[in-house]
C-alpha cells in the first residue's frame, strides 16, 4: 500500500489539477490519498469545500491554531537544538502541522510519498509490489523517484537495468536533483522511516520539513540508493508562491483570481512540453476552462 500525502495552502484549483492527474495516470489500485492543508480565509476554504465533495475518497486534514511547541523530547536531540538556534522561524509554529503529519504517517501503508499542490503527473504510473519491496528491503537507504528520469536536469545516471535507473545520491558533491536525498516532490520512502524521522526532527511547515529532514539524512549518510523509471512522470509548475522559507523561483499567477475562477466552475490543465529536460516548468499563461467551451487565458507573468 502506498500512502500519498499532499501539502496544500490556498491553492484549491491547483490541487484539483494535481488530483485529476493522479486519478488519470495512476494505473494501479494499491494507494490512498490524503491532503494536509490550510487556508488564510473563508473564501479560500470554499475552494477546499468543493474539493471535498468532488473527491470523497480523499482524506482532507486541515491545520488548526493548536500550535506545535518545541518540547523536552525535541530538545534532547542535538540536531534540533542546533537548527532552532539557527532558524528563528522554527521557534514560532503557526499551526499543528507537525502533529497532524505525524498522525497521518502512523497508518498501515508500507510506503509513503509526499506531493505539493503545484505539481502534476503527465505520464502513466504503474507501481508494483516489487518496487515497494525494493524500498523496504533497505528502508534507511532506498527511495524510488517519480520526478526523475533519463535526461532530467542534464544528468545521466550510471546504471540501467530492466527498465529502471539506479544511482548513488552521494556520488556527487553538487546539490542537484540527483543528489537531493529527501524531497516532498514525488519520492517514495519507507513509511516506518518517515515516521521515525517526523517523530524525531522538529519542523513547522512543509518547507522546513523537507530541509530539516534532508540535512539530517545527509549528516547520517542515509538514503543513498535511488531508483526510478527511465522516463519521469511528474512535473512541478511553480506559477505562484505560498511560503517564505525557501527562496524558490516562481511566477506570479494570482491566488485570489485562481480561487475565484475555481468557485465559478473553471478548471485547468498544465501544458506539457514535447521535450522534457527539467522538473520545474514555467508556463507563460494558463487556459481556464468551463463546460468544455468557455475559455479564459490567464497570464502567469
Protein backbone atom coordinates (compact mmCIF):
# COMPACT_ATOMS: atom_id res chain seq x y z
CA UNK A 1 0.00 0.00 0.00
CA UNK A 2 1.25 3.47 -0.95
CA UNK A 3 0.15 6.47 1.08
CA UNK A 4 0.19 9.78 -0.82
CA UNK A 5 0.24 12.91 1.34
CA UNK A 6 -0.27 16.22 -0.47
CA UNK A 7 0.63 19.56 1.12
CA UNK A 8 -1.65 22.44 0.11
CA UNK A 9 -2.22 26.07 1.10
CA UNK A 10 -4.75 28.42 -0.54
CA UNK A 11 -4.48 26.58 -3.87
CA UNK A 12 -7.63 24.51 -4.30
CA UNK A 13 -7.66 24.97 -8.07
CA UNK A 14 -4.07 23.78 -8.46
CA UNK A 15 -4.78 20.90 -6.08
CA UNK A 16 -7.71 19.90 -8.27
CA UNK A 17 -5.37 19.75 -11.27
CA UNK A 18 -2.97 17.51 -9.32
CA UNK A 19 -5.71 15.19 -8.05
CA UNK A 20 -7.18 14.79 -11.53
CA UNK A 21 -3.72 13.89 -12.82
CA UNK A 22 -3.31 11.27 -10.08
CA UNK A 23 -6.59 9.54 -10.87
CA UNK A 24 -5.92 9.77 -14.61
CA UNK A 25 -2.38 8.41 -14.64
CA UNK A 26 -2.11 6.01 -11.69
CA UNK A 27 -2.57 2.57 -13.28
CA UNK A 28 -2.66 0.57 -10.06
CA UNK A 29 -5.12 0.41 -7.17
CA UNK A 30 -2.96 -0.07 -4.11
CA UNK A 31 -2.81 3.54 -2.92
CA UNK A 32 -4.64 6.09 -0.78
CA UNK A 33 -4.57 9.89 -0.90
CA UNK A 34 -4.60 12.38 1.95
CA UNK A 35 -4.37 16.18 1.82
CA UNK A 36 -2.87 18.17 4.68
CA UNK A 37 -3.96 21.75 4.05
CA UNK A 38 -4.60 25.18 5.45
CA UNK A 39 -6.24 28.41 4.30
CA UNK A 40 -5.91 32.06 5.20
CA UNK A 41 -9.61 32.99 4.94
CA UNK A 42 -13.10 31.67 4.32
CA UNK A 43 -13.02 32.38 0.57
CA UNK A 44 -10.08 30.01 0.10
CA UNK A 45 -11.79 27.47 2.38
CA UNK A 46 -14.75 27.38 -0.01
CA UNK A 47 -12.43 26.00 -2.68
CA UNK A 48 -11.48 23.07 -0.46
CA UNK A 49 -15.14 22.52 0.39
CA UNK A 50 -15.71 21.99 -3.34
CA UNK A 51 -12.85 19.51 -3.47
CA UNK A 52 -14.20 17.52 -0.52
CA UNK A 53 -17.43 16.99 -2.44
CA UNK A 54 -15.62 16.22 -5.69
CA UNK A 55 -13.17 13.71 -4.15
CA UNK A 56 -14.95 11.83 -1.33
CA UNK A 57 -12.25 9.13 -1.46
CA UNK A 58 -9.57 11.63 -0.39
CA UNK A 59 -8.87 12.34 3.29
CA UNK A 60 -8.71 16.09 3.92
CA UNK A 61 -6.94 17.13 7.14
CA UNK A 62 -6.93 20.83 8.00
CA UNK A 63 -4.34 22.51 10.19
CA UNK A 64 -5.56 24.36 13.27
CA UNK A 65 -4.24 27.08 15.57
CA UNK A 66 -3.27 24.50 18.21
CA UNK A 67 0.39 25.28 17.64
CA UNK A 68 3.15 22.70 17.88
CA UNK A 69 5.69 23.51 20.58
CA UNK A 70 9.38 22.69 20.90
CA UNK A 71 9.29 20.32 23.85
CA UNK A 72 11.72 18.48 26.12
CA UNK A 73 11.76 15.45 23.82
CA UNK A 74 12.69 17.68 20.87
CA UNK A 75 15.42 19.39 22.89
CA UNK A 76 17.02 16.03 23.67
CA UNK A 77 18.03 15.81 20.00
CA UNK A 78 21.17 17.93 19.44
CA UNK A 79 20.29 18.33 15.76
CA UNK A 80 17.03 20.08 16.73
CA UNK A 81 18.81 22.40 19.16
CA UNK A 82 21.37 23.35 16.55
CA UNK A 83 18.72 24.16 13.95
CA UNK A 84 16.32 26.05 16.21
CA UNK A 85 19.17 28.36 17.25
CA UNK A 86 19.99 29.00 13.59
CA UNK A 87 16.43 29.43 12.27
CA UNK A 88 14.20 31.88 14.17
CA UNK A 89 11.13 30.76 12.22
CA UNK A 90 11.37 27.31 13.77
CA UNK A 91 10.68 28.87 17.17
CA UNK A 92 7.21 30.11 16.18
CA UNK A 93 4.98 27.43 14.74
CA UNK A 94 1.77 28.85 13.30
CA UNK A 95 -0.22 25.62 13.39
CA UNK A 96 -0.24 21.94 14.35
CA UNK A 97 1.26 20.89 11.01
CA UNK A 98 3.86 18.58 12.54
CA UNK A 99 1.42 16.83 14.89
CA UNK A 100 -1.06 16.22 12.08
CA UNK A 101 1.61 14.92 9.70
CA UNK A 102 2.94 12.54 12.35
CA UNK A 103 -0.59 11.26 12.85
CA UNK A 104 -1.06 10.66 9.12
CA UNK A 105 2.20 8.69 9.00
CA UNK A 106 1.00 6.32 11.70
CA UNK A 107 -1.28 4.44 9.30
CA UNK A 108 -0.80 0.98 7.84
CA UNK A 109 0.83 1.86 4.49
CA UNK A 110 4.21 0.24 3.82
CA UNK A 111 5.45 3.16 1.72
CA UNK A 112 4.60 6.86 1.58
CA UNK A 113 5.12 9.72 -0.86
CA UNK A 114 4.69 13.47 -0.49
CA UNK A 115 3.49 15.89 -3.15
CA UNK A 116 2.96 19.64 -3.28
CA UNK A 117 -0.16 21.15 -4.83
CA UNK A 118 1.73 22.92 -7.63
CA UNK A 119 2.76 19.68 -9.35
CA UNK A 120 1.00 17.30 -11.73
CA UNK A 121 1.56 13.89 -13.30
CA UNK A 122 1.90 13.95 -17.07
CA UNK A 123 2.58 10.27 -17.78
CA UNK A 124 1.14 6.95 -16.60
CA UNK A 125 2.44 5.49 -13.33
CA UNK A 126 2.43 1.74 -12.70
CA UNK A 127 3.97 0.95 -9.33
CA UNK A 128 4.32 -2.71 -8.39
CA UNK A 129 4.82 -4.62 -5.16
CA UNK A 130 8.38 -5.35 -6.33
CA UNK A 131 9.18 -1.62 -6.19
CA UNK A 132 7.75 -1.26 -2.69
CA UNK A 133 9.63 -4.40 -1.60
CA UNK A 134 12.88 -3.00 -3.01
CA UNK A 135 12.45 0.17 -0.93
CA UNK A 136 11.61 -1.74 2.24
CA UNK A 137 14.50 -4.21 1.88
CA UNK A 138 16.81 -1.37 2.96
CA UNK A 139 14.45 1.31 4.32
CA UNK A 140 17.21 3.52 5.71
CA UNK A 141 18.96 3.72 2.35
CA UNK A 142 16.45 3.35 -0.50
CA UNK A 143 13.87 5.55 -2.22
CA UNK A 144 12.02 5.50 -5.55
CA UNK A 145 11.53 8.72 -7.53
CA UNK A 146 8.69 9.65 -9.87
CA UNK A 147 10.13 13.10 -10.66
CA UNK A 148 13.44 11.84 -12.07
CA UNK A 149 14.25 10.03 -15.31
CA UNK A 150 16.81 9.89 -18.09
CA UNK A 151 17.61 13.38 -19.37
CA UNK A 152 16.11 15.33 -16.47
CA UNK A 153 18.38 18.23 -15.48
CA UNK A 154 21.04 17.01 -17.95
CA UNK A 155 22.20 14.32 -15.58
CA UNK A 156 22.87 10.81 -16.85
CA UNK A 157 22.78 8.16 -14.11
CA UNK A 158 25.27 5.33 -14.39
CA UNK A 159 23.22 2.14 -14.08
CA UNK A 160 20.21 0.96 -16.07
CA UNK A 161 18.63 -2.46 -15.60
CA UNK A 162 15.28 -3.98 -16.63
CA UNK A 163 13.74 -0.61 -17.46
CA UNK A 164 14.86 1.10 -14.25
CA UNK A 165 17.62 3.56 -13.41
CA UNK A 166 19.77 3.27 -10.28
CA UNK A 167 22.19 5.80 -8.77
CA UNK A 168 24.12 6.82 -5.67
CA UNK A 169 22.88 10.08 -4.13
CA UNK A 170 26.29 10.74 -2.59
CA UNK A 171 28.42 10.22 -5.70
CA UNK A 172 28.49 13.94 -6.50
CA UNK A 173 29.01 16.80 -4.06
CA UNK A 174 26.90 19.19 -6.12
CA UNK A 175 23.36 19.86 -4.88
CA UNK A 176 21.28 18.78 -7.85
CA UNK A 177 18.11 16.78 -8.33
CA UNK A 178 20.12 13.56 -8.47
CA UNK A 179 21.87 14.32 -5.17
CA UNK A 180 18.89 15.59 -3.16
CA UNK A 181 18.24 12.69 -0.79
CA UNK A 182 14.90 13.78 0.65
CA UNK A 183 12.16 15.61 -1.22
CA UNK A 184 8.44 16.30 -0.80
CA UNK A 185 8.01 16.14 -4.59
CA UNK A 186 7.26 12.60 -5.72
CA UNK A 187 9.77 10.38 -3.92
CA UNK A 188 8.63 7.12 -2.31
CA UNK A 189 10.08 6.14 1.07
CA UNK A 190 9.52 3.53 3.74
CA UNK A 191 6.67 4.76 5.94
CA UNK A 192 8.43 3.37 9.00
CA UNK A 193 11.47 5.52 8.25
CA UNK A 194 9.36 8.64 7.65
CA UNK A 195 7.51 8.03 10.91
CA UNK A 196 10.79 7.83 12.82
CA UNK A 197 12.17 10.97 11.17
CA UNK A 198 9.00 13.02 11.70
CA UNK A 199 8.80 11.95 15.35
CA UNK A 200 12.45 12.85 15.98
CA UNK A 201 13.04 16.02 13.96
CA UNK A 202 11.28 19.29 14.75
CA UNK A 203 9.68 21.25 11.90
CA UNK A 204 6.79 23.68 11.46
CA UNK A 205 5.75 23.59 7.79
CA UNK A 206 6.40 21.63 4.55
CA UNK A 207 9.48 23.68 3.60
CA UNK A 208 11.15 23.16 6.96
CA UNK A 209 10.08 19.50 6.95
CA UNK A 210 11.94 18.94 3.68
CA UNK A 211 15.06 20.92 4.57
CA UNK A 212 15.35 19.69 8.17
CA UNK A 213 14.94 16.03 7.20
CA UNK A 214 17.22 16.29 4.16
CA UNK A 215 20.05 17.85 6.16
CA UNK A 216 19.65 15.26 8.91
CA UNK A 217 19.68 12.44 6.35
CA UNK A 218 22.89 13.81 4.82
CA UNK A 219 24.60 14.05 8.19
CA UNK A 220 23.76 10.40 8.86
CA UNK A 221 24.57 9.27 5.27
CA UNK A 222 21.08 7.81 4.89
CA UNK A 223 19.00 7.33 1.70
CA UNK A 224 21.99 6.69 -0.54
CA UNK A 225 20.31 4.43 -3.13
CA UNK A 226 17.92 5.90 -5.69
CA UNK A 227 15.75 4.16 -8.27
CA UNK A 228 13.35 5.49 -10.91
CA UNK A 229 11.69 4.66 -14.22
CA UNK A 230 13.60 5.57 -17.39
CA UNK A 231 11.01 8.29 -18.01
CA UNK A 232 9.89 10.77 -15.38
CA UNK A 233 6.16 11.02 -14.67
CA UNK A 234 5.82 14.18 -12.52
CA UNK A 235 6.44 17.86 -13.22
CA UNK A 236 6.40 20.94 -10.99
CA UNK A 237 4.70 24.18 -12.06
CA UNK A 238 5.71 26.98 -9.65
CA UNK A 239 3.24 29.53 -11.03
CA UNK A 240 2.94 31.22 -7.62
CA UNK A 241 4.42 31.05 -4.13
CA UNK A 242 2.74 30.44 -0.78
CA UNK A 243 5.77 30.05 1.53
CA UNK A 244 8.57 32.37 2.64
CA UNK A 245 11.11 29.86 3.95
CA UNK A 246 12.85 28.74 0.77
CA UNK A 247 13.88 31.26 -1.88
CA UNK A 248 12.42 29.28 -4.76
CA UNK A 249 11.83 30.77 -8.19
CA UNK A 250 8.17 31.20 -9.07
CA UNK A 251 5.81 33.06 -11.38
CA UNK A 252 3.04 35.44 -10.32
CA UNK A 253 -0.32 33.81 -11.02
CA UNK A 254 -2.84 35.35 -8.61
CA UNK A 255 -4.02 33.02 -5.85
CA UNK A 256 -7.14 35.15 -5.40
CA UNK A 257 -8.06 35.09 -9.09
CA UNK A 258 -7.49 31.34 -9.44
CA UNK A 259 -9.65 30.67 -6.40
CA UNK A 260 -12.46 32.93 -7.65
CA UNK A 261 -12.48 31.20 -11.03
CA UNK A 262 -12.45 27.77 -9.39
CA UNK A 263 -15.53 28.72 -7.36
CA UNK A 264 -17.14 29.80 -10.64
CA UNK A 265 -16.59 26.32 -12.08
CA UNK A 266 -13.37 26.74 -14.04
CA UNK A 267 -10.51 24.22 -14.10
CA UNK A 268 -7.23 23.99 -15.98
CA UNK A 269 -4.51 21.57 -17.06
CA UNK A 270 -0.85 22.44 -17.45
CA UNK A 271 0.80 22.31 -20.85
CA UNK A 272 3.38 19.54 -21.15
CA UNK A 273 6.40 20.36 -23.35
CA UNK A 274 7.34 17.95 -26.12
CA UNK A 275 10.86 17.61 -24.78
CA UNK A 276 11.21 17.45 -21.01
CA UNK A 277 14.64 18.26 -19.60
CA UNK A 278 13.84 19.91 -16.25
CA UNK A 279 11.47 19.14 -13.38
CA UNK A 280 10.31 22.75 -12.90
CA UNK A 281 8.20 24.20 -15.70
CA UNK A 282 7.30 27.90 -16.04
CA UNK A 283 4.29 28.41 -18.33
CA UNK A 284 3.65 31.96 -19.55
CA UNK A 285 -0.12 31.53 -19.21
CA UNK A 286 -2.91 29.16 -18.20
CA UNK A 287 -6.08 28.37 -20.11
CA UNK A 288 -9.02 28.08 -17.70
CA UNK A 289 -11.95 26.04 -18.99
CA UNK A 290 -15.61 25.68 -18.02
CA UNK A 291 -18.30 23.49 -19.59
CA UNK A 292 -15.88 22.39 -22.28
CA UNK A 293 -16.12 25.54 -24.40
CA UNK A 294 -15.74 28.61 -22.17
CA UNK A 295 -12.07 29.56 -22.05
CA UNK A 296 -10.17 32.28 -20.19
CA UNK A 297 -6.47 32.89 -20.73
CA UNK A 298 -4.69 33.94 -17.54
CA UNK A 299 -1.15 35.32 -17.54
CA UNK A 300 1.36 33.84 -15.09
CA UNK A 301 3.94 36.60 -15.57
